[in-house]
PDB file of N, CA and C in Angstrom:
ATOM      1  N   MET A   1      -7.212  -0.362  -8.305  1.00  0.00           N
ATOM      2  CA  MET A   1      -7.456   0.474  -7.136  1.00  0.00           C
ATOM      3  C   MET A   1      -6.338   1.494  -7.022  1.00  0.00           C
ATOM      4  N   GLU A   2      -6.702   2.735  -6.756  1.00  0.00           N
ATOM      5  CA  GLU A   2      -5.729   3.799  -6.559  1.00  0.00           C
ATOM      6  C   GLU A   2      -5.446   3.988  -5.087  1.00  0.00           C
ATOM      7  N   GLY A   3      -6.346   3.616  -4.247  1.00  0.00           N
ATOM      8  CA  GLY A   3      -6.233   3.770  -2.809  1.00  0.00           C
ATOM      9  C   GLY A   3      -7.414   3.076  -2.194  1.00  0.00           C
ATOM     10  N   LEU A   4      -7.557   3.256  -0.897  1.00  0.00           N
ATOM     11  CA  LEU A   4      -8.621   2.551  -0.198  1.00  0.00           C
ATOM     12  C   LEU A   4     -10.010   2.954  -0.683  1.00  0.00           C
ATOM     13  N   ARG A   5     -10.184   4.178  -1.132  1.00  0.00           N
ATOM     14  CA  ARG A   5     -11.501   4.649  -1.552  1.00  0.00           C
ATOM     15  C   ARG A   5     -11.548   5.160  -2.987  1.00  0.00           C
ATOM     16  N   LYS A   6     -10.498   4.944  -3.768  1.00  0.00           N
ATOM     17  CA  LYS A   6     -10.478   5.434  -5.148  1.00  0.00           C
ATOM     18  C   LYS A   6     -10.267   4.271  -6.106  1.00  0.00           C
ATOM     19  N   ILE A   7     -11.025   4.316  -7.206  1.00  0.00           N
ATOM     20  CA  ILE A   7     -10.895   3.308  -8.253  1.00  0.00           C
ATOM     21  C   ILE A   7     -10.544   4.014  -9.549  1.00  0.00           C
ATOM     22  N   ARG A   8      -9.500   3.555 -10.200  1.00  0.00           N
ATOM     23  CA  ARG A   8      -9.114   4.090 -11.510  1.00  0.00           C
ATOM     24  C   ARG A   8      -9.537   3.064 -12.547  1.00  0.00           C
ATOM     25  N   LEU A   9     -10.269   3.517 -13.545  1.00  0.00           N
ATOM     26  CA  LEU A   9     -10.723   2.605 -14.586  1.00  0.00           C
ATOM     27  C   LEU A   9     -10.533   3.235 -15.946  1.00  0.00           C
ATOM     28  N   VAL A  10     -10.526   2.384 -16.949  1.00  0.00           N
ATOM     29  CA  VAL A  10     -10.408   2.838 -18.329  1.00  0.00           C
ATOM     30  C   VAL A  10     -11.737   2.536 -19.013  1.00  0.00           C
ATOM     31  N   LEU A  11     -12.322   3.560 -19.602  1.00  0.00           N
ATOM     32  CA  LEU A  11     -13.583   3.356 -20.309  1.00  0.00           C
ATOM     33  C   LEU A  11     -13.365   2.420 -21.490  1.00  0.00           C
ATOM     34  N   PRO A  12     -14.358   1.612 -21.805  1.00  0.00           N
ATOM     35  CA  PRO A  12     -14.203   0.693 -22.943  1.00  0.00           C
ATOM     36  C   PRO A  12     -14.064   1.466 -24.247  1.00  0.00           C
ATOM     37  N   SER A  13     -13.324   0.878 -25.180  1.00  0.00           N
ATOM     38  CA  SER A  13     -13.208   1.503 -26.500  1.00  0.00           C
ATOM     39  C   SER A  13     -14.064   0.770 -27.528  1.00  0.00           C
ATOM     40  N   THR A  14     -14.549  -0.432 -27.142  1.00  0.00           N
ATOM     41  CA  THR A  14     -15.448  -1.200 -28.012  1.00  0.00           C
ATOM     42  C   THR A  14     -16.578  -1.774 -27.164  1.00  0.00           C
ATOM     43  N   ASP A  15     -17.670  -2.128 -27.829  1.00  0.00           N
ATOM     44  CA  ASP A  15     -18.762  -2.769 -27.096  1.00  0.00           C
ATOM     45  C   ASP A  15     -18.501  -4.275 -27.000  1.00  0.00           C
ATOM     46  N   VAL A  16     -19.445  -5.028 -26.440  1.00  0.00           N
ATOM     47  CA  VAL A  16     -19.245  -6.463 -26.239  1.00  0.00           C
ATOM     48  C   VAL A  16     -19.112  -7.222 -27.556  1.00  0.00           C
ATOM     49  N   ASN A  17     -19.542  -6.622 -28.662  1.00  0.00           N
ATOM     50  CA  ASN A  17     -19.409  -7.254 -29.976  1.00  0.00           C
ATOM     51  C   ASN A  17     -18.149  -6.814 -30.708  1.00  0.00           C
ATOM     52  N   GLY A  18     -17.317  -5.973 -30.071  1.00  0.00           N
ATOM     53  CA  GLY A  18     -16.086  -5.503 -30.694  1.00  0.00           C
ATOM     54  C   GLY A  18     -16.265  -4.292 -31.584  1.00  0.00           C
ATOM     55  N   VAL A  19     -17.453  -3.689 -31.588  1.00  0.00           N
ATOM     56  CA  VAL A  19     -17.722  -2.505 -32.407  1.00  0.00           C
ATOM     57  C   VAL A  19     -17.210  -1.272 -31.654  1.00  0.00           C
ATOM     58  N   PRO A  20     -16.428  -0.404 -32.327  1.00  0.00           N
ATOM     59  CA  PRO A  20     -15.927   0.794 -31.640  1.00  0.00           C
ATOM     60  C   PRO A  20     -17.067   1.645 -31.080  1.00  0.00           C
ATOM     61  N   LEU A  21     -16.848   2.171 -29.885  1.00  0.00           N
ATOM     62  CA  LEU A  21     -17.850   3.018 -29.252  1.00  0.00           C
ATOM     63  C   LEU A  21     -17.670   4.464 -29.698  1.00  0.00           C
ATOM     64  N   ALA A  22     -18.767   5.127 -29.996  1.00  0.00           N
ATOM     65  CA  ALA A  22     -18.720   6.547 -30.291  1.00  0.00           C
ATOM     66  C   ALA A  22     -18.628   7.323 -28.987  1.00  0.00           C
ATOM     67  N   GLY A  23     -19.027   6.708 -27.894  1.00  0.00           N
ATOM     68  CA  GLY A  23     -18.981   7.347 -26.588  1.00  0.00           C
ATOM     69  C   GLY A  23     -19.849   6.609 -25.605  1.00  0.00           C
ATOM     70  N   VAL A  24     -19.611   6.897 -24.363  1.00  0.00           N
ATOM     71  CA  VAL A  24     -20.381   6.317 -23.277  1.00  0.00           C
ATOM     72  C   VAL A  24     -21.192   7.445 -22.659  1.00  0.00           C
ATOM     73  N   GLU A  25     -22.482   7.236 -22.472  1.00  0.00           N
ATOM     74  CA  GLU A  25     -23.359   8.268 -21.914  1.00  0.00           C
ATOM     75  C   GLU A  25     -23.157   8.438 -20.413  1.00  0.00           C
ATOM     76  N   SER A  26     -22.994   7.303 -19.702  1.00  0.00           N
ATOM     77  CA  SER A  26     -22.802   7.389 -18.255  1.00  0.00           C
ATOM     78  C   SER A  26     -22.059   6.156 -17.749  1.00  0.00           C
ATOM     79  N   LEU A  27     -21.536   6.287 -16.556  1.00  0.00           N
ATOM     80  CA  LEU A  27     -20.933   5.169 -15.822  1.00  0.00           C
ATOM     81  C   LEU A  27     -21.688   5.035 -14.526  1.00  0.00           C
ATOM     82  N   ARG A  28     -22.048   3.808 -14.189  1.00  0.00           N
ATOM     83  CA  ARG A  28     -22.768   3.558 -12.944  1.00  0.00           C
ATOM     84  C   ARG A  28     -21.953   2.628 -12.058  1.00  0.00           C
ATOM     85  N   VAL A  29     -21.868   2.990 -10.789  1.00  0.00           N
ATOM     86  CA  VAL A  29     -21.257   2.123  -9.792  1.00  0.00           C
ATOM     87  C   VAL A  29     -22.415   1.476  -9.045  1.00  0.00           C
ATOM     88  N   LEU A  30     -22.450   0.152  -9.078  1.00  0.00           N
ATOM     89  CA  LEU A  30     -23.516  -0.591  -8.395  1.00  0.00           C
ATOM     90  C   LEU A  30     -22.946  -1.313  -7.185  1.00  0.00           C
ATOM     91  N   TYR A  31     -23.747  -1.397  -6.148  1.00  0.00           N
ATOM     92  CA  TYR A  31     -23.373  -2.085  -4.911  1.00  0.00           C
ATOM     93  C   TYR A  31     -24.331  -3.244  -4.696  1.00  0.00           C
ATOM     94  N   LEU A  32     -23.788  -4.369  -4.274  1.00  0.00           N
ATOM     95  CA  LEU A  32     -24.602  -5.519  -3.877  1.00  0.00           C
ATOM     96  C   LEU A  32     -24.116  -5.962  -2.506  1.00  0.00           C
ATOM     97  N   PRO A  33     -25.017  -6.334  -1.598  1.00  0.00           N
ATOM     98  CA  PRO A  33     -24.609  -6.801  -0.278  1.00  0.00           C
ATOM     99  C   PRO A  33     -23.719  -8.038  -0.376  1.00  0.00           C
ATOM    100  N   LEU A  34     -22.926  -8.220   0.639  1.00  0.00           N
ATOM    101  CA  LEU A  34     -22.013  -9.353   0.687  1.00  0.00           C
ATOM    102  C   LEU A  34     -22.792 -10.654   0.656  1.00  0.00           C
ATOM    103  N   GLY A  35     -22.349 -11.571  -0.188  1.00  0.00           N
ATOM    104  CA  GLY A  35     -22.949 -12.896  -0.277  1.00  0.00           C
ATOM    105  C   GLY A  35     -21.857 -13.935  -0.229  1.00  0.00           C
ATOM    106  N   LEU A  36     -22.205 -15.169  -0.413  1.00  0.00           N
ATOM    107  CA  LEU A  36     -21.218 -16.243  -0.347  1.00  0.00           C
ATOM    108  C   LEU A  36     -20.310 -16.268  -1.573  1.00  0.00           C
ATOM    109  N   THR A  37     -20.833 -15.850  -2.722  1.00  0.00           N
ATOM    110  CA  THR A  37     -20.043 -15.884  -3.950  1.00  0.00           C
ATOM    111  C   THR A  37     -20.149 -14.550  -4.664  1.00  0.00           C
ATOM    112  N   LYS A  38     -19.245 -14.328  -5.612  1.00  0.00           N
ATOM    113  CA  LYS A  38     -19.328 -13.118  -6.431  1.00  0.00           C
ATOM    114  C   LYS A  38     -20.616 -13.152  -7.225  1.00  0.00           C
ATOM    115  N   PRO A  39     -21.299 -12.018  -7.335  1.00  0.00           N
ATOM    116  CA  PRO A  39     -22.541 -11.993  -8.118  1.00  0.00           C
ATOM    117  C   PRO A  39     -22.272 -12.147  -9.613  1.00  0.00           C
ATOM    118  N   THR A  40     -23.219 -12.732 -10.299  1.00  0.00           N
ATOM    119  CA  THR A  40     -23.151 -12.860 -11.756  1.00  0.00           C
ATOM    120  C   THR A  40     -23.642 -11.560 -12.391  1.00  0.00           C
ATOM    121  N   ALA A  41     -23.453 -11.430 -13.704  1.00  0.00           N
ATOM    122  CA  ALA A  41     -23.941 -10.244 -14.404  1.00  0.00           C
ATOM    123  C   ALA A  41     -25.452 -10.090 -14.237  1.00  0.00           C
ATOM    124  N   ASP A  42     -26.189 -11.196 -14.299  1.00  0.00           N
ATOM    125  CA  ASP A  42     -27.648 -11.129 -14.111  1.00  0.00           C
ATOM    126  C   ASP A  42     -28.000 -10.595 -12.725  1.00  0.00           C
ATOM    127  N   GLU A  43     -27.273 -11.041 -11.701  1.00  0.00           N
ATOM    128  CA  GLU A  43     -27.533 -10.573 -10.339  1.00  0.00           C
ATOM    129  C   GLU A  43     -27.179  -9.093 -10.185  1.00  0.00           C
ATOM    130  N   VAL A  44     -26.107  -8.677 -10.849  1.00  0.00           N
ATOM    131  CA  VAL A  44     -25.720  -7.265 -10.800  1.00  0.00           C
ATOM    132  C   VAL A  44     -26.863  -6.401 -11.326  1.00  0.00           C
ATOM    133  N   PHE A  45     -27.417  -6.768 -12.484  1.00  0.00           N
ATOM    134  CA  PHE A  45     -28.466  -5.953 -13.075  1.00  0.00           C
ATOM    135  C   PHE A  45     -29.813  -6.085 -12.368  1.00  0.00           C
ATOM    136  N   SER A  46     -30.085  -7.230 -11.763  1.00  0.00           N
ATOM    137  CA  SER A  46     -31.389  -7.405 -11.116  1.00  0.00           C
ATOM    138  C   SER A  46     -31.395  -6.952  -9.653  1.00  0.00           C
ATOM    139  N   ARG A  47     -30.241  -7.047  -8.976  1.00  0.00           N
ATOM    140  CA  ARG A  47     -30.220  -6.754  -7.542  1.00  0.00           C
ATOM    141  C   ARG A  47     -29.306  -5.611  -7.143  1.00  0.00           C
ATOM    142  N   GLY A  48     -28.501  -5.111  -8.097  1.00  0.00           N
ATOM    143  CA  GLY A  48     -27.543  -4.056  -7.773  1.00  0.00           C
ATOM    144  C   GLY A  48     -28.213  -2.719  -7.524  1.00  0.00           C
ATOM    145  N   GLU A  49     -27.669  -1.987  -6.572  1.00  0.00           N
ATOM    146  CA  GLU A  49     -28.151  -0.644  -6.235  1.00  0.00           C
ATOM    147  C   GLU A  49     -27.168   0.370  -6.821  1.00  0.00           C
ATOM    148  N   VAL A  50     -27.664   1.305  -7.623  1.00  0.00           N
ATOM    149  CA  VAL A  50     -26.805   2.347  -8.182  1.00  0.00           C
ATOM    150  C   VAL A  50     -26.453   3.307  -7.051  1.00  0.00           C
ATOM    151  N   VAL A  51     -25.146   3.401  -6.746  1.00  0.00           N
ATOM    152  CA  VAL A  51     -24.703   4.254  -5.637  1.00  0.00           C
ATOM    153  C   VAL A  51     -23.916   5.470  -6.118  1.00  0.00           C
ATOM    154  N   LEU A  52     -23.514   5.461  -7.376  1.00  0.00           N
ATOM    155  CA  LEU A  52     -22.798   6.598  -7.951  1.00  0.00           C
ATOM    156  C   LEU A  52     -22.981   6.539  -9.458  1.00  0.00           C
ATOM    157  N   GLU A  53     -23.196   7.710 -10.049  1.00  0.00           N
ATOM    158  CA  GLU A  53     -23.316   7.770 -11.509  1.00  0.00           C
ATOM    159  C   GLU A  53     -22.592   9.012 -12.001  1.00  0.00           C
ATOM    160  N   ARG A  54     -21.797   8.850 -13.029  1.00  0.00           N
ATOM    161  CA  ARG A  54     -21.130   9.969 -13.704  1.00  0.00           C
ATOM    162  C   ARG A  54     -21.653   9.993 -15.131  1.00  0.00           C
ATOM    163  N   ARG A  55     -22.049  11.187 -15.578  1.00  0.00           N
ATOM    164  CA  ARG A  55     -22.647  11.338 -16.907  1.00  0.00           C
ATOM    165  C   ARG A  55     -21.826  12.306 -17.745  1.00  0.00           C
ATOM    166  N   ARG A  56     -22.053  12.260 -19.044  1.00  0.00           N
ATOM    167  CA  ARG A  56     -21.469  13.247 -19.937  1.00  0.00           C
ATOM    168  C   ARG A  56     -21.963  14.613 -19.508  1.00  0.00           C
ATOM    169  N   PRO A  57     -21.219  15.651 -19.579  1.00  0.00           N
ATOM    170  CA  PRO A  57     -19.901  15.763 -20.187  1.00  0.00           C
ATOM    171  C   PRO A  57     -18.748  15.477 -19.217  1.00  0.00           C
ATOM    172  N   ASP A  58     -19.047  14.944 -18.032  1.00  0.00           N
ATOM    173  CA  ASP A  58     -18.016  14.700 -17.017  1.00  0.00           C
ATOM    174  C   ASP A  58     -17.343  13.340 -17.157  1.00  0.00           C
ATOM    175  N   LEU A  59     -17.269  12.827 -18.374  1.00  0.00           N
ATOM    176  CA  LEU A  59     -16.594  11.545 -18.629  1.00  0.00           C
ATOM    177  C   LEU A  59     -15.547  11.731 -19.719  1.00  0.00           C
ATOM    178  N   PRO A  60     -14.421  11.023 -19.609  1.00  0.00           N
ATOM    179  CA  PRO A  60     -13.456  11.045 -20.706  1.00  0.00           C
ATOM    180  C   PRO A  60     -13.975  10.233 -21.886  1.00  0.00           C
ATOM    181  N   GLY A  61     -13.276  10.270 -22.994  1.00  0.00           N
ATOM    182  CA  GLY A  61     -13.664   9.528 -24.179  1.00  0.00           C
ATOM    183  C   GLY A  61     -13.352   8.044 -24.062  1.00  0.00           C
ATOM    184  N   PRO A  62     -13.843   7.233 -25.003  1.00  0.00           N
ATOM    185  CA  PRO A  62     -13.580   5.795 -25.011  1.00  0.00           C
ATOM    186  C   PRO A  62     -12.079   5.504 -24.973  1.00  0.00           C
ATOM    187  N   GLY A  63     -11.697   4.539 -24.142  1.00  0.00           N
ATOM    188  CA  GLY A  63     -10.305   4.147 -24.011  1.00  0.00           C
ATOM    189  C   GLY A  63      -9.498   5.014 -23.063  1.00  0.00           C
ATOM    190  N   GLU A  64     -10.100   6.071 -22.518  1.00  0.00           N
ATOM    191  CA  GLU A  64      -9.393   6.967 -21.606  1.00  0.00           C
ATOM    192  C   GLU A  64      -9.698   6.615 -20.151  1.00  0.00           C
ATOM    193  N   ALA A  65      -8.819   7.066 -19.251  1.00  0.00           N
ATOM    194  CA  ALA A  65      -8.923   6.717 -17.827  1.00  0.00           C
ATOM    195  C   ALA A  65      -9.767   7.722 -17.046  1.00  0.00           C
ATOM    196  N   LEU A  66     -10.335   7.230 -15.957  1.00  0.00           N
ATOM    197  CA  LEU A  66     -11.160   8.021 -15.043  1.00  0.00           C
ATOM    198  C   LEU A  66     -10.925   7.494 -13.637  1.00  0.00           C
ATOM    199  N   THR A  67     -10.821   8.378 -12.666  1.00  0.00           N
ATOM    200  CA  THR A  67     -10.700   7.971 -11.265  1.00  0.00           C
ATOM    201  C   THR A  67     -11.989   8.338 -10.548  1.00  0.00           C
ATOM    202  N   LEU A  68     -12.585   7.365  -9.876  1.00  0.00           N
ATOM    203  CA  LEU A  68     -13.809   7.579  -9.105  1.00  0.00           C
ATOM    204  C   LEU A  68     -13.465   7.535  -7.623  1.00  0.00           C
ATOM    205  N   ASP A  69     -13.945   8.529  -6.880  1.00  0.00           N
ATOM    206  CA  ASP A  69     -13.719   8.603  -5.445  1.00  0.00           C
ATOM    207  C   ASP A  69     -14.969   8.074  -4.747  1.00  0.00           C
ATOM    208  N   LEU A  70     -14.820   7.000  -3.987  1.00  0.00           N
ATOM    209  CA  LEU A  70     -15.961   6.362  -3.327  1.00  0.00           C
ATOM    210  C   LEU A  70     -16.030   6.695  -1.838  1.00  0.00           C
ATOM    211  N   LYS A  71     -15.404   7.806  -1.408  1.00  0.00           N
ATOM    212  CA  LYS A  71     -15.401   8.173   0.011  1.00  0.00           C
ATOM    213  C   LYS A  71     -16.808   8.347   0.567  1.00  0.00           C
ATOM    214  N   SER A  72     -17.722   8.811  -0.256  1.00  0.00           N
ATOM    215  CA  SER A  72     -19.076   9.072   0.234  1.00  0.00           C
ATOM    216  C   SER A  72     -19.952   7.822   0.270  1.00  0.00           C
ATOM    217  N   LEU A  73     -19.423   6.707  -0.199  1.00  0.00           N
ATOM    218  CA  LEU A  73     -20.203   5.468  -0.228  1.00  0.00           C
ATOM    219  C   LEU A  73     -20.202   4.835   1.163  1.00  0.00           C
ATOM    220  N   HIS A  74     -21.327   4.870   1.806  1.00  0.00           N
ATOM    221  CA  HIS A  74     -21.456   4.302   3.154  1.00  0.00           C
ATOM    222  C   HIS A  74     -22.359   3.078   3.080  1.00  0.00           C
ATOM    223  N   ARG A  75     -21.755   1.948   2.843  1.00  0.00           N
ATOM    224  CA  ARG A  75     -22.475   0.678   2.748  1.00  0.00           C
ATOM    225  C   ARG A  75     -21.681  -0.366   3.511  1.00  0.00           C
ATOM    226  N   PRO A  76     -22.342  -1.393   4.009  1.00  0.00           N
ATOM    227  CA  PRO A  76     -21.608  -2.485   4.659  1.00  0.00           C
ATOM    228  C   PRO A  76     -20.774  -3.243   3.630  1.00  0.00           C
ATOM    229  N   PRO A  77     -19.886  -4.127   4.093  1.00  0.00           N
ATOM    230  CA  PRO A  77     -19.088  -4.906   3.140  1.00  0.00           C
ATOM    231  C   PRO A  77     -19.982  -5.563   2.088  1.00  0.00           C
ATOM    232  N   GLY A  78     -19.507  -5.584   0.864  1.00  0.00           N
ATOM    233  CA  GLY A  78     -20.287  -6.163  -0.228  1.00  0.00           C
ATOM    234  C   GLY A  78     -19.483  -6.170  -1.503  1.00  0.00           C
ATOM    235  N   TRP A  79     -20.174  -6.003  -2.639  1.00  0.00           N
ATOM    236  CA  TRP A  79     -19.558  -6.052  -3.963  1.00  0.00           C
ATOM    237  C   TRP A  79     -19.804  -4.739  -4.688  1.00  0.00           C
ATOM    238  N   ILE A  80     -18.794  -4.297  -5.430  1.00  0.00           N
ATOM    239  CA  ILE A  80     -18.880  -3.091  -6.238  1.00  0.00           C
ATOM    240  C   ILE A  80     -18.662  -3.494  -7.699  1.00  0.00           C
ATOM    241  N   VAL A  81     -19.517  -2.972  -8.580  1.00  0.00           N
ATOM    242  CA  VAL A  81     -19.422  -3.270 -10.006  1.00  0.00           C
ATOM    243  C   VAL A  81     -19.610  -1.955 -10.760  1.00  0.00           C
ATOM    244  N   ILE A  82     -18.846  -1.764 -11.830  1.00  0.00           N
ATOM    245  CA  ILE A  82     -18.966  -0.566 -12.654  1.00  0.00           C
ATOM    246  C   ILE A  82     -19.506  -0.977 -14.015  1.00  0.00           C
ATOM    247  N   VAL A  83     -20.495  -0.220 -14.501  1.00  0.00           N
ATOM    248  CA  VAL A  83     -21.134  -0.527 -15.776  1.00  0.00           C
ATOM    249  C   VAL A  83     -21.143   0.736 -16.636  1.00  0.00           C
ATOM    250  N   ALA A  84     -20.652   0.609 -17.863  1.00  0.00           N
ATOM    251  CA  ALA A  84     -20.738   1.699 -18.836  1.00  0.00           C
ATOM    252  C   ALA A  84     -22.099   1.605 -19.526  1.00  0.00           C
ATOM    253  N   VAL A  85     -22.754   2.760 -19.688  1.00  0.00           N
ATOM    254  CA  VAL A  85     -24.089   2.795 -20.290  1.00  0.00           C
ATOM    255  C   VAL A  85     -24.047   3.706 -21.515  1.00  0.00           C
ATOM    256  N   ARG A  86     -24.484   3.157 -22.648  1.00  0.00           N
ATOM    257  CA  ARG A  86     -24.529   3.924 -23.895  1.00  0.00           C
ATOM    258  C   ARG A  86     -25.846   4.666 -24.018  1.00  0.00           C
ATOM    259  N   LEU A  87     -25.899   5.580 -24.952  1.00  0.00           N
ATOM    260  CA  LEU A  87     -27.118   6.326 -25.244  1.00  0.00           C
ATOM    261  C   LEU A  87     -28.266   5.356 -25.441  1.00  0.00           C
ATOM    262  N   GLY A  88     -29.423   5.661 -24.915  1.00  0.00           N
ATOM    263  CA  GLY A  88     -30.565   4.772 -25.010  1.00  0.00           C
ATOM    264  C   GLY A  88     -30.617   3.785 -23.854  1.00  0.00           C
ATOM    265  N   GLU A  89     -29.796   4.035 -22.807  1.00  0.00           N
ATOM    266  CA  GLU A  89     -29.781   3.190 -21.609  1.00  0.00           C
ATOM    267  C   GLU A  89     -29.336   1.757 -21.911  1.00  0.00           C
ATOM    268  N   VAL A  90     -28.450   1.579 -22.892  1.00  0.00           N
ATOM    269  CA  VAL A  90     -27.930   0.260 -23.224  1.00  0.00           C
ATOM    270  C   VAL A  90     -26.711  -0.002 -22.340  1.00  0.00           C
ATOM    271  N   ALA A  91     -26.886  -0.900 -21.388  1.00  0.00           N
ATOM    272  CA  ALA A  91     -25.802  -1.209 -20.448  1.00  0.00           C
ATOM    273  C   ALA A  91     -24.793  -2.145 -21.091  1.00  0.00           C
ATOM    274  N   GLY A  92     -23.528  -1.879 -20.838  1.00  0.00           N
ATOM    275  CA  GLY A  92     -22.465  -2.735 -21.343  1.00  0.00           C
ATOM    276  C   GLY A  92     -22.180  -3.877 -20.380  1.00  0.00           C
ATOM    277  N   ARG A  93     -21.125  -4.600 -20.659  1.00  0.00           N
ATOM    278  CA  ARG A  93     -20.717  -5.706 -19.806  1.00  0.00           C
ATOM    279  C   ARG A  93     -20.239  -5.136 -18.472  1.00  0.00           C
ATOM    280  N   PRO A  94     -20.668  -5.705 -17.346  1.00  0.00           N
ATOM    281  CA  PRO A  94     -20.207  -5.212 -16.043  1.00  0.00           C
ATOM    282  C   PRO A  94     -18.706  -5.441 -15.868  1.00  0.00           C
ATOM    283  N   SER A  95     -18.088  -4.593 -15.059  1.00  0.00           N
ATOM    284  CA  SER A  95     -16.673  -4.771 -14.742  1.00  0.00           C
ATOM    285  C   SER A  95     -16.494  -6.038 -13.916  1.00  0.00           C
ATOM    286  N   GLU A  96     -15.244  -6.378 -13.694  1.00  0.00           N
ATOM    287  CA  GLU A  96     -14.957  -7.456 -12.755  1.00  0.00           C
ATOM    288  C   GLU A  96     -15.559  -7.048 -11.411  1.00  0.00           C
ATOM    289  N   VAL A  97     -16.145  -7.986 -10.705  1.00  0.00           N
ATOM    290  CA  VAL A  97     -16.753  -7.702  -9.410  1.00  0.00           C
ATOM    291  C   VAL A  97     -15.637  -7.506  -8.394  1.00  0.00           C
ATOM    292  N   LEU A  98     -15.677  -6.358  -7.691  1.00  0.00           N
ATOM    293  CA  LEU A  98     -14.644  -6.019  -6.727  1.00  0.00           C
ATOM    294  C   LEU A  98     -15.188  -6.088  -5.307  1.00  0.00           C
ATOM    295  N   PRO A  99     -14.417  -6.574  -4.346  1.00  0.00           N
ATOM    296  CA  PRO A  99     -14.899  -6.590  -2.968  1.00  0.00           C
ATOM    297  C   PRO A  99     -14.921  -5.179  -2.392  1.00  0.00           C
ATOM    298  N   TRP A 100     -15.986  -4.847  -1.674  1.00  0.00           N
ATOM    299  CA  TRP A 100     -16.097  -3.585  -0.953  1.00  0.00           C
ATOM    300  C   TRP A 100     -15.881  -3.911   0.515  1.00  0.00           C
ATOM    301  N   MET A 101     -14.817  -3.353   1.114  1.00  0.00           N
ATOM    302  CA  MET A 101     -14.483  -3.681   2.492  1.00  0.00           C
ATOM    303  C   MET A 101     -15.209  -2.795   3.473  1.00  0.00           C
ATOM    304  N   ASP A 102     -15.062  -3.088   4.712  1.00  0.00           N
ATOM    305  CA  ASP A 102     -15.657  -2.319   5.788  1.00  0.00           C
ATOM    306  C   ASP A 102     -15.224  -0.848   5.650  1.00  0.00           C
ATOM    307  N   PRO A 103     -16.174   0.091   5.535  1.00  0.00           N
ATOM    308  CA  PRO A 103     -15.827   1.510   5.370  1.00  0.00           C
ATOM    309  C   PRO A 103     -14.999   2.059   6.517  1.00  0.00           C
ATOM    310  N   ALA A 104     -15.011   1.417   7.683  1.00  0.00           N
ATOM    311  CA  ALA A 104     -14.236   1.914   8.814  1.00  0.00           C
ATOM    312  C   ALA A 104     -12.738   1.679   8.644  1.00  0.00           C
ATOM    313  N   LEU A 105     -12.327   0.863   7.679  1.00  0.00           N
ATOM    314  CA  LEU A 105     -10.888   0.591   7.499  1.00  0.00           C
ATOM    315  C   LEU A 105     -10.137   1.827   7.081  1.00  0.00           C
TER     316      LEU A 105
END
């Protein structure tokens, strides 16, 4: 976290099998409502709502950093997950699930 509404992340340099990435087509920020436990990867993909997407050419290369500003995200407390998507809509492993706090904070 860079601040209350900014997330700094590093794009993956390899896929889940360890194969170097030629590039990432897009990054998606997904939101899930607050539940009793952190959502699993299956829950992220089946129930997550895409609330922000950054696409090429507005993305750095594999292994490079990017800061996302979530000021415009108006959702109740819940979970935020970032997913890198390769060409052909192949979603990578979701990021660690992060808590999304009350936007009024």
